[in-house]
Amino acid sequence: QAWVESLRHHDDERRGLTDLHPDVFAVRPRL
Protein backbone atom coordinates (compact mmCIF):
# COMPACT_ATOMS: atom_id res chain seq x y z
CA GLN A 1 0.00 0.00 0.00
CA ALA A 2 0.95 3.61 -0.59
CA TRP A 3 -0.59 6.95 0.30
CA VAL A 4 -2.58 8.83 -2.32
CA GLU A 5 -1.73 12.52 -2.55
CA SER A 6 -3.15 15.49 -4.41
CA LEU A 7 -1.61 18.42 -6.25
CA ARG A 8 -4.43 20.83 -5.37
CA HIS A 9 -2.87 21.97 -2.09
CA HIS A 10 0.48 21.71 -0.35
CA ASP A 11 -0.94 19.97 2.75
CA ASP A 12 -3.21 17.58 0.83
CA GLU A 13 -0.78 14.67 1.17
CA ARG A 14 -2.92 11.81 2.52
CA ARG A 15 -6.29 11.44 0.85
CA GLY A 16 -6.34 7.66 1.31
CA LEU A 17 -4.53 4.46 0.45
CA THR A 18 -4.09 2.52 -2.75
CA ASP A 19 -3.27 -1.16 -3.16
CA LEU A 20 -0.28 -1.96 -5.36
CA HIS A 21 0.21 -5.37 -6.92
CA PRO A 22 3.12 -7.21 -5.27
CA ASP A 23 4.29 -8.75 -8.56
CA VAL A 24 4.94 -5.25 -9.92
CA PHE A 25 5.85 -3.09 -6.92
CA ALA A 26 7.36 -5.69 -4.56
CA VAL A 27 9.68 -7.93 -6.60
CA ARG A 28 13.21 -8.98 -5.74
CA PRO A 29 15.60 -6.00 -6.21
CA ARG A 30 17.85 -7.32 -9.01
CA LEU A 31 20.59 -4.73 -9.51
PDB file of all heavy atoms in Angstrom:
ATOM      1  N   GLN A   1       0.826  -1.200   0.000  1.00  0.00           N
ATOM      2  CA  GLN A   1       0.000   0.000   0.000  1.00  0.00           C
ATOM      3  C   GLN A   1       0.859   1.249   0.000  1.00  0.00           C
ATOM      4  O   GLN A   1       2.004   1.239   0.471  1.00  0.00           O
ATOM      5  CB  GLN A   1      -0.935   0.015   1.217  1.00  0.00           C
ATOM      6  CG  GLN A   1      -2.018  -1.046   1.174  1.00  0.00           C
ATOM      7  CD  GLN A   1      -2.968  -0.949   2.339  1.00  0.00           C
ATOM      8  OE1 GLN A   1      -2.616  -0.446   3.404  1.00  0.00           O
ATOM      9  NE2 GLN A   1      -4.195  -1.420   2.148  1.00  0.00           N
ATOM     10  N   ALA A   2       0.286   2.310  -0.548  1.00  0.00           N
ATOM     11  CA  ALA A   2       0.952   3.613  -0.586  1.00  0.00           C
ATOM     12  C   ALA A   2      -0.104   4.692  -0.409  1.00  0.00           C
ATOM     13  O   ALA A   2      -1.274   4.499  -0.744  1.00  0.00           O
ATOM     14  CB  ALA A   2       1.701   3.804  -1.907  1.00  0.00           C
ATOM     15  N   TRP A   3       0.325   5.828   0.107  1.00  0.00           N
ATOM     16  CA  TRP A   3      -0.595   6.946   0.304  1.00  0.00           C
ATOM     17  C   TRP A   3      -0.922   7.606  -1.026  1.00  0.00           C
ATOM     18  O   TRP A   3      -0.069   7.700  -1.915  1.00  0.00           O
ATOM     19  CB  TRP A   3       0.018   7.986   1.246  1.00  0.00           C
ATOM     20  CG  TRP A   3       0.047   7.570   2.690  1.00  0.00           C
ATOM     21  CD1 TRP A   3       1.130   7.176   3.413  1.00  0.00           C
ATOM     22  CD2 TRP A   3      -1.078   7.510   3.576  1.00  0.00           C
ATOM     23  NE1 TRP A   3       0.765   6.867   4.693  1.00  0.00           N
ATOM     24  CE2 TRP A   3      -0.588   7.072   4.829  1.00  0.00           C
ATOM     25  CE3 TRP A   3      -2.436   7.790   3.440  1.00  0.00           C
ATOM     26  CZ2 TRP A   3      -1.413   6.903   5.924  1.00  0.00           C
ATOM     27  CZ3 TRP A   3      -3.261   7.615   4.540  1.00  0.00           C
ATOM     28  CH2 TRP A   3      -2.745   7.187   5.768  1.00  0.00           C
ATOM     29  N   VAL A   4      -2.144   8.081  -1.149  1.00  0.00           N
ATOM     30  CA  VAL A   4      -2.583   8.826  -2.324  1.00  0.00           C
ATOM     31  C   VAL A   4      -2.565  10.313  -1.971  1.00  0.00           C
ATOM     32  O   VAL A   4      -3.172  10.728  -0.983  1.00  0.00           O
ATOM     33  CB  VAL A   4      -3.996   8.396  -2.767  1.00  0.00           C
ATOM     34  CG1 VAL A   4      -4.449   9.215  -3.961  1.00  0.00           C
ATOM     35  CG2 VAL A   4      -3.999   6.916  -3.105  1.00  0.00           C
ATOM     36  N   GLU A   5      -1.870  11.085  -2.795  1.00  0.00           N
ATOM     37  CA  GLU A   5      -1.733  12.516  -2.548  1.00  0.00           C
ATOM     38  C   GLU A   5      -2.527  13.298  -3.591  1.00  0.00           C
ATOM     39  O   GLU A   5      -3.149  12.729  -4.486  1.00  0.00           O
ATOM     40  CB  GLU A   5      -0.250  12.913  -2.580  1.00  0.00           C
ATOM     41  CG  GLU A   5       0.625  12.090  -1.648  1.00  0.00           C
ATOM     42  CD  GLU A   5       2.095  12.430  -1.791  1.00  0.00           C
ATOM     43  OE1 GLU A   5       2.404  13.474  -2.396  1.00  0.00           O
ATOM     44  OE2 GLU A   5       2.936  11.652  -1.293  1.00  0.00           O
ATOM     45  N   SER A   6      -2.476  14.615  -3.464  1.00  0.00           N
ATOM     46  CA  SER A   6      -3.149  15.495  -4.411  1.00  0.00           C
ATOM     47  C   SER A   6      -2.256  16.695  -4.678  1.00  0.00           C
ATOM     48  O   SER A   6      -1.474  17.114  -3.812  1.00  0.00           O
ATOM     49  CB  SER A   6      -4.505  15.949  -3.863  1.00  0.00           C
ATOM     50  OG  SER A   6      -5.119  16.865  -4.754  1.00  0.00           O
ATOM     51  N   LEU A   7      -2.391  17.245  -5.878  1.00  0.00           N
ATOM     52  CA  LEU A   7      -1.609  18.424  -6.254  1.00  0.00           C
ATOM     53  C   LEU A   7      -2.389  19.713  -6.068  1.00  0.00           C
ATOM     54  O   LEU A   7      -1.903  20.784  -6.431  1.00  0.00           O
ATOM     55  CB  LEU A   7      -1.165  18.319  -7.726  1.00  0.00           C
ATOM     56  CG  LEU A   7      -0.348  17.085  -8.109  1.00  0.00           C
ATOM     57  CD1 LEU A   7       0.048  17.153  -9.569  1.00  0.00           C
ATOM     58  CD2 LEU A   7       0.895  16.947  -7.237  1.00  0.00           C
ATOM     59  N   ARG A   8      -3.583  19.632  -5.495  1.00  0.00           N
ATOM     60  CA  ARG A   8      -4.428  20.825  -5.374  1.00  0.00           C
ATOM     61  C   ARG A   8      -4.001  21.737  -4.227  1.00  0.00           C
ATOM     62  O   ARG A   8      -4.322  22.921  -4.236  1.00  0.00           O
ATOM     63  CB  ARG A   8      -5.885  20.414  -5.180  1.00  0.00           C
ATOM     64  CG  ARG A   8      -6.472  19.682  -6.381  1.00  0.00           C
ATOM     65  CD  ARG A   8      -7.915  19.288  -6.135  1.00  0.00           C
ATOM     66  NE  ARG A   8      -8.487  18.618  -7.291  1.00  0.00           N
ATOM     67  CZ  ARG A   8      -8.394  17.318  -7.525  1.00  0.00           C
ATOM     68  NH1 ARG A   8      -7.731  16.547  -6.672  1.00  0.00           N
ATOM     69  NH2 ARG A   8      -8.945  16.786  -8.603  1.00  0.00           N
ATOM     70  N   HIS A   9      -3.303  21.165  -3.239  1.00  0.00           N
ATOM     71  CA  HIS A   9      -2.872  21.975  -2.093  1.00  0.00           C
ATOM     72  C   HIS A   9      -1.608  21.356  -1.520  1.00  0.00           C
ATOM     73  O   HIS A   9      -1.375  20.155  -1.624  1.00  0.00           O
ATOM     74  CB  HIS A   9      -3.972  22.052  -1.022  1.00  0.00           C
ATOM     75  CG  HIS A   9      -3.726  23.116  -0.010  1.00  0.00           C
ATOM     76  ND1 HIS A   9      -3.025  22.879   1.154  1.00  0.00           N
ATOM     77  CD2 HIS A   9      -4.068  24.431   0.013  1.00  0.00           C
ATOM     78  CE1 HIS A   9      -2.956  23.994   1.865  1.00  0.00           C
ATOM     79  NE2 HIS A   9      -3.580  24.956   1.196  1.00  0.00           N
ATOM     80  N   HIS A  10      -0.788  22.194  -0.888  1.00  0.00           N
ATOM     81  CA  HIS A  10       0.480  21.712  -0.348  1.00  0.00           C
ATOM     82  C   HIS A  10       0.279  20.674   0.743  1.00  0.00           C
ATOM     83  O   HIS A  10       1.036  19.700   0.841  1.00  0.00           O
ATOM     84  CB  HIS A  10       1.292  22.891   0.207  1.00  0.00           C
ATOM     85  CG  HIS A  10       1.865  23.768  -0.864  1.00  0.00           C
ATOM     86  ND1 HIS A  10       1.106  24.341  -1.843  1.00  0.00           N
ATOM     87  CD2 HIS A  10       3.149  24.165  -1.111  1.00  0.00           C
ATOM     88  CE1 HIS A  10       1.868  25.056  -2.648  1.00  0.00           C
ATOM     89  NE2 HIS A  10       3.120  24.973  -2.230  1.00  0.00           N
ATOM     90  N   ASP A  11      -0.737  20.865   1.598  1.00  0.00           N
ATOM     91  CA  ASP A  11      -0.943  19.975   2.745  1.00  0.00           C
ATOM     92  C   ASP A  11      -1.826  18.779   2.422  1.00  0.00           C
ATOM     93  O   ASP A  11      -2.070  17.958   3.301  1.00  0.00           O
ATOM     94  CB  ASP A  11      -1.571  20.757   3.900  1.00  0.00           C
ATOM     95  CG  ASP A  11      -0.639  21.838   4.416  1.00  0.00           C
ATOM     96  OD1 ASP A  11       0.585  21.601   4.422  1.00  0.00           O
ATOM     97  OD2 ASP A  11      -1.129  22.916   4.808  1.00  0.00           O
ATOM     98  N   ASP A  12      -2.302  18.674   1.205  1.00  0.00           N
ATOM     99  CA  ASP A  12      -3.206  17.578   0.834  1.00  0.00           C
ATOM    100  C   ASP A  12      -2.381  16.359   0.429  1.00  0.00           C
ATOM    101  O   ASP A  12      -2.317  15.973  -0.737  1.00  0.00           O
ATOM    102  CB  ASP A  12      -4.119  18.019  -0.310  1.00  0.00           C
ATOM    103  CG  ASP A  12      -5.370  17.160  -0.394  1.00  0.00           C
ATOM    104  OD1 ASP A  12      -5.477  16.230   0.432  1.00  0.00           O
ATOM    105  OD2 ASP A  12      -6.214  17.417  -1.253  1.00  0.00           O
ATOM    106  N   GLU A  13      -1.720  15.749   1.444  1.00  0.00           N
ATOM    107  CA  GLU A  13      -0.777  14.673   1.172  1.00  0.00           C
ATOM    108  C   GLU A  13      -1.362  13.280   1.381  1.00  0.00           C
ATOM    109  O   GLU A  13      -0.852  12.313   0.820  1.00  0.00           O
ATOM    110  CB  GLU A  13       0.464  14.820   2.073  1.00  0.00           C
ATOM    111  CG  GLU A  13       1.273  16.078   1.818  1.00  0.00           C
ATOM    112  CD  GLU A  13       2.568  16.080   2.603  1.00  0.00           C
ATOM    113  OE1 GLU A  13       3.270  15.069   2.574  1.00  0.00           O
ATOM    114  OE2 GLU A  13       2.869  17.091   3.254  1.00  0.00           O
ATOM    115  N   ARG A  14      -2.400  13.144   2.191  1.00  0.00           N
ATOM    116  CA  ARG A  14      -2.923  11.814   2.519  1.00  0.00           C
ATOM    117  C   ARG A  14      -4.442  11.806   2.343  1.00  0.00           C
ATOM    118  O   ARG A  14      -5.197  12.048   3.275  1.00  0.00           O
ATOM    119  CB  ARG A  14      -2.549  11.424   3.948  1.00  0.00           C
ATOM    120  CG  ARG A  14      -1.041  11.286   4.129  1.00  0.00           C
ATOM    121  CD  ARG A  14      -0.688  10.759   5.513  1.00  0.00           C
ATOM    122  NE  ARG A  14       0.746  10.549   5.643  1.00  0.00           N
ATOM    123  CZ  ARG A  14       1.343  10.066   6.723  1.00  0.00           C
ATOM    124  NH1 ARG A  14       0.610   9.755   7.780  1.00  0.00           N
ATOM    125  NH2 ARG A  14       2.643   9.887   6.755  1.00  0.00           N
ATOM    126  N   ARG A  15      -4.861  11.524   1.145  1.00  0.00           N
ATOM    127  CA  ARG A  15      -6.290  11.436   0.848  1.00  0.00           C
ATOM    128  C   ARG A  15      -6.829  10.027   1.073  1.00  0.00           C
ATOM    129  O   ARG A  15      -8.030   9.817   1.166  1.00  0.00           O
ATOM    130  CB  ARG A  15      -6.556  11.857  -0.595  1.00  0.00           C
ATOM    131  CG  ARG A  15      -6.140  13.265  -0.905  1.00  0.00           C
ATOM    132  CD  ARG A  15      -6.463  13.634  -2.328  1.00  0.00           C
ATOM    133  NE  ARG A  15      -7.892  13.597  -2.586  1.00  0.00           N
ATOM    134  CZ  ARG A  15      -8.703  14.619  -2.403  1.00  0.00           C
ATOM    135  NH1 ARG A  15      -8.213  15.762  -1.950  1.00  0.00           N
ATOM    136  NH2 ARG A  15      -9.979  14.518  -2.671  1.00  0.00           N
ATOM    137  N   GLY A  16      -5.947   9.052   1.127  1.00  0.00           N
ATOM    138  CA  GLY A  16      -6.343   7.662   1.313  1.00  0.00           C
ATOM    139  C   GLY A  16      -5.203   6.745   0.919  1.00  0.00           C
ATOM    140  O   GLY A  16      -4.064   7.179   0.726  1.00  0.00           O
ATOM    141  N   LEU A  17      -5.514   5.462   0.799  1.00  0.00           N
ATOM    142  CA  LEU A  17      -4.525   4.457   0.450  1.00  0.00           C
ATOM    143  C   LEU A  17      -4.884   3.818  -0.885  1.00  0.00           C
ATOM    144  O   LEU A  17      -6.039   3.803  -1.297  1.00  0.00           O
ATOM    145  CB  LEU A  17      -4.444   3.375   1.531  1.00  0.00           C
ATOM    146  CG  LEU A  17      -3.903   3.805   2.893  1.00  0.00           C
ATOM    147  CD1 LEU A  17      -4.100   2.692   3.904  1.00  0.00           C
ATOM    148  CD2 LEU A  17      -2.437   4.186   2.803  1.00  0.00           C
ATOM    149  N   THR A  18      -3.893   3.283  -1.530  1.00  0.00           N
ATOM    150  CA  THR A  18      -4.094   2.515  -2.750  1.00  0.00           C
ATOM    151  C   THR A  18      -3.327   1.204  -2.643  1.00  0.00           C
ATOM    152  O   THR A  18      -2.214   1.168  -2.098  1.00  0.00           O
ATOM    153  CB  THR A  18      -3.632   3.299  -3.990  1.00  0.00           C
ATOM    154  OG1 THR A  18      -3.773   2.481  -5.153  1.00  0.00           O
ATOM    155  CG2 THR A  18      -2.186   3.718  -3.869  1.00  0.00           C
ATOM    156  N   ASP A  19      -3.922   0.150  -3.130  1.00  0.00           N
ATOM    157  CA  ASP A  19      -3.267  -1.155  -3.158  1.00  0.00           C
ATOM    158  C   ASP A  19      -2.414  -1.262  -4.417  1.00  0.00           C
ATOM    159  O   ASP A  19      -2.858  -0.912  -5.516  1.00  0.00           O
ATOM    160  CB  ASP A  19      -4.305  -2.278  -3.146  1.00  0.00           C
ATOM    161  CG  ASP A  19      -4.989  -2.413  -1.792  1.00  0.00           C
ATOM    162  OD1 ASP A  19      -4.398  -1.927  -0.806  1.00  0.00           O
ATOM    163  OD2 ASP A  19      -6.082  -2.993  -1.731  1.00  0.00           O
ATOM    164  N   LEU A  20      -1.206  -1.761  -4.245  1.00  0.00           N
ATOM    165  CA  LEU A  20      -0.279  -1.963  -5.359  1.00  0.00           C
ATOM    166  C   LEU A  20       0.005  -3.457  -5.480  1.00  0.00           C
ATOM    167  O   LEU A  20       0.222  -4.142  -4.486  1.00  0.00           O
ATOM    168  CB  LEU A  20       1.021  -1.184  -5.129  1.00  0.00           C
ATOM    169  CG  LEU A  20       0.868   0.327  -4.887  1.00  0.00           C
ATOM    170  CD1 LEU A  20       2.220   0.955  -4.599  1.00  0.00           C
ATOM    171  CD2 LEU A  20       0.221   0.990  -6.082  1.00  0.00           C
ATOM    172  N   HIS A  21       0.020  -3.934  -6.707  1.00  0.00           N
ATOM    173  CA  HIS A  21       0.208  -5.373  -6.919  1.00  0.00           C
ATOM    174  C   HIS A  21       1.630  -5.777  -6.527  1.00  0.00           C
ATOM    175  O   HIS A  21       2.605  -5.145  -6.942  1.00  0.00           O
ATOM    176  CB  HIS A  21      -0.045  -5.718  -8.388  1.00  0.00           C
ATOM    177  CG  HIS A  21      -0.404  -7.152  -8.599  1.00  0.00           C
ATOM    178  ND1 HIS A  21       0.524  -8.166  -8.526  1.00  0.00           N
ATOM    179  CD2 HIS A  21      -1.593  -7.753  -8.853  1.00  0.00           C
ATOM    180  CE1 HIS A  21      -0.071  -9.328  -8.764  1.00  0.00           C
ATOM    181  NE2 HIS A  21      -1.356  -9.109  -8.955  1.00  0.00           N
ATOM    182  N   PRO A  22       1.776  -6.833  -5.730  1.00  0.00           N
ATOM    183  CA  PRO A  22       3.122  -7.208  -5.267  1.00  0.00           C
ATOM    184  C   PRO A  22       4.024  -7.733  -6.369  1.00  0.00           C
ATOM    185  O   PRO A  22       5.249  -7.674  -6.232  1.00  0.00           O
ATOM    186  CB  PRO A  22       2.833  -8.295  -4.217  1.00  0.00           C
ATOM    187  CG  PRO A  22       1.498  -8.848  -4.588  1.00  0.00           C
ATOM    188  CD  PRO A  22       0.723  -7.709  -5.167  1.00  0.00           C
ATOM    189  N   ASP A  23       3.463  -8.248  -7.469  1.00  0.00           N
ATOM    190  CA  ASP A  23       4.293  -8.747  -8.561  1.00  0.00           C
ATOM    191  C   ASP A  23       4.819  -7.639  -9.452  1.00  0.00           C
ATOM    192  O   ASP A  23       5.568  -7.907 -10.399  1.00  0.00           O
ATOM    193  CB  ASP A  23       3.494  -9.744  -9.410  1.00  0.00           C
ATOM    194  CG  ASP A  23       3.225 -11.038  -8.655  1.00  0.00           C
ATOM    195  OD1 ASP A  23       3.974 -11.318  -7.698  1.00  0.00           O
ATOM    196  OD2 ASP A  23       2.265 -11.754  -9.008  1.00  0.00           O
ATOM    197  N   VAL A  24       4.440  -6.394  -9.165  1.00  0.00           N
ATOM    198  CA  VAL A  24       4.945  -5.250  -9.922  1.00  0.00           C
ATOM    199  C   VAL A  24       5.737  -4.309  -9.025  1.00  0.00           C
ATOM    200  O   VAL A  24       6.808  -3.830  -9.401  1.00  0.00           O
ATOM    201  CB  VAL A  24       3.785  -4.486 -10.603  1.00  0.00           C
ATOM    202  CG1 VAL A  24       4.301  -3.232 -11.320  1.00  0.00           C
ATOM    203  CG2 VAL A  24       3.061  -5.384 -11.586  1.00  0.00           C
ATOM    204  N   PHE A  25       5.248  -4.063  -7.814  1.00  0.00           N
ATOM    205  CA  PHE A  25       5.851  -3.087  -6.919  1.00  0.00           C
ATOM    206  C   PHE A  25       6.548  -3.723  -5.725  1.00  0.00           C
ATOM    207  O   PHE A  25       6.960  -2.993  -4.813  1.00  0.00           O
ATOM    208  CB  PHE A  25       4.776  -2.115  -6.419  1.00  0.00           C
ATOM    209  CG  PHE A  25       4.194  -1.253  -7.496  1.00  0.00           C
ATOM    210  CD1 PHE A  25       3.062  -1.651  -8.183  1.00  0.00           C
ATOM    211  CD2 PHE A  25       4.776  -0.039  -7.838  1.00  0.00           C
ATOM    212  CE1 PHE A  25       2.509  -0.856  -9.184  1.00  0.00           C
ATOM    213  CE2 PHE A  25       4.244   0.753  -8.830  1.00  0.00           C
ATOM    214  CZ  PHE A  25       3.109   0.351  -9.506  1.00  0.00           C
ATOM    215  N   ALA A  26       6.688  -5.043  -5.691  1.00  0.00           N
ATOM    216  CA  ALA A  26       7.364  -5.692  -4.558  1.00  0.00           C
ATOM    217  C   ALA A  26       8.098  -6.941  -5.043  1.00  0.00           C
ATOM    218  O   ALA A  26       7.953  -8.015  -4.463  1.00  0.00           O
ATOM    219  CB  ALA A  26       6.370  -6.030  -3.459  1.00  0.00           C
ATOM    220  N   VAL A  27       8.899  -6.805  -6.094  1.00  0.00           N
ATOM    221  CA  VAL A  27       9.680  -7.931  -6.598  1.00  0.00           C
ATOM    222  C   VAL A  27      11.077  -7.888  -5.976  1.00  0.00           C
ATOM    223  O   VAL A  27      11.440  -6.964  -5.261  1.00  0.00           O
ATOM    224  CB  VAL A  27       9.762  -7.891  -8.143  1.00  0.00           C
ATOM    225  CG1 VAL A  27       8.386  -7.988  -8.761  1.00  0.00           C
ATOM    226  CG2 VAL A  27      10.453  -6.626  -8.612  1.00  0.00           C
ATOM    227  N   ARG A  28      11.853  -8.919  -6.274  1.00  0.00           N
ATOM    228  CA  ARG A  28      13.211  -8.979  -5.736  1.00  0.00           C
ATOM    229  C   ARG A  28      14.075  -7.899  -6.402  1.00  0.00           C
ATOM    230  O   ARG A  28      14.097  -7.779  -7.630  1.00  0.00           O
ATOM    231  CB  ARG A  28      13.813 -10.357  -6.008  1.00  0.00           C
ATOM    232  CG  ARG A  28      15.194 -10.555  -5.377  1.00  0.00           C
ATOM    233  CD  ARG A  28      15.772 -11.887  -5.811  1.00  0.00           C
ATOM    234  NE  ARG A  28      14.918 -12.978  -5.386  1.00  0.00           N
ATOM    235  CZ  ARG A  28      14.989 -13.567  -4.200  1.00  0.00           C
ATOM    236  NH1 ARG A  28      15.888 -13.144  -3.318  1.00  0.00           N
ATOM    237  NH2 ARG A  28      14.189 -14.559  -3.893  1.00  0.00           N
ATOM    238  N   PRO A  29      14.802  -7.088  -5.623  1.00  0.00           N
ATOM    239  CA  PRO A  29      15.603  -6.003  -6.213  1.00  0.00           C
ATOM    240  C   PRO A  29      16.854  -6.537  -6.920  1.00  0.00           C
ATOM    241  O   PRO A  29      17.916  -6.692  -6.309  1.00  0.00           O
ATOM    242  CB  PRO A  29      15.954  -5.125  -5.008  1.00  0.00           C
ATOM    243  CG  PRO A  29      15.883  -6.041  -3.832  1.00  0.00           C
ATOM    244  CD  PRO A  29      14.836  -7.067  -4.145  1.00  0.00           C
ATOM    245  N   ARG A  30      16.747  -6.793  -8.198  1.00  0.00           N
ATOM    246  CA  ARG A  30      17.851  -7.317  -9.008  1.00  0.00           C
ATOM    247  C   ARG A  30      18.648  -6.160  -9.609  1.00  0.00           C
ATOM    248  O   ARG A  30      18.263  -5.574 -10.619  1.00  0.00           O
ATOM    249  CB  ARG A  30      17.293  -8.210 -10.104  1.00  0.00           C
ATOM    250  CG  ARG A  30      16.602  -9.479  -9.615  1.00  0.00           C
ATOM    251  CD  ARG A  30      17.625 -10.541  -9.279  1.00  0.00           C
ATOM    252  NE  ARG A  30      18.465 -10.821 -10.418  1.00  0.00           N
ATOM    253  CZ  ARG A  30      18.173 -11.699 -11.383  1.00  0.00           C
ATOM    254  NH1 ARG A  30      17.030 -12.368 -11.323  1.00  0.00           N
ATOM    255  NH2 ARG A  30      18.999 -11.911 -12.387  1.00  0.00           N
ATOM    256  N   LEU A  31      19.769  -5.810  -8.988  1.00  0.00           N
ATOM    257  CA  LEU A  31      20.587  -4.727  -9.515  1.00  0.00           C
ATOM    258  C   LEU A  31      21.252  -5.103 -10.836  1.00  0.00           C
ATOM    259  O   LEU A  31      21.534  -4.227 -11.663  1.00  0.00           O
ATOM    260  CB  LEU A  31      21.651  -4.325  -8.482  1.00  0.00           C
ATOM    261  CG  LEU A  31      21.109  -3.786  -7.144  1.00  0.00           C
ATOM    262  CD1 LEU A  31      22.256  -3.355  -6.260  1.00  0.00           C
ATOM    263  CD2 LEU A  31      20.156  -2.628  -7.378  1.00  0.00           C
TER     264      LEU A  31
END
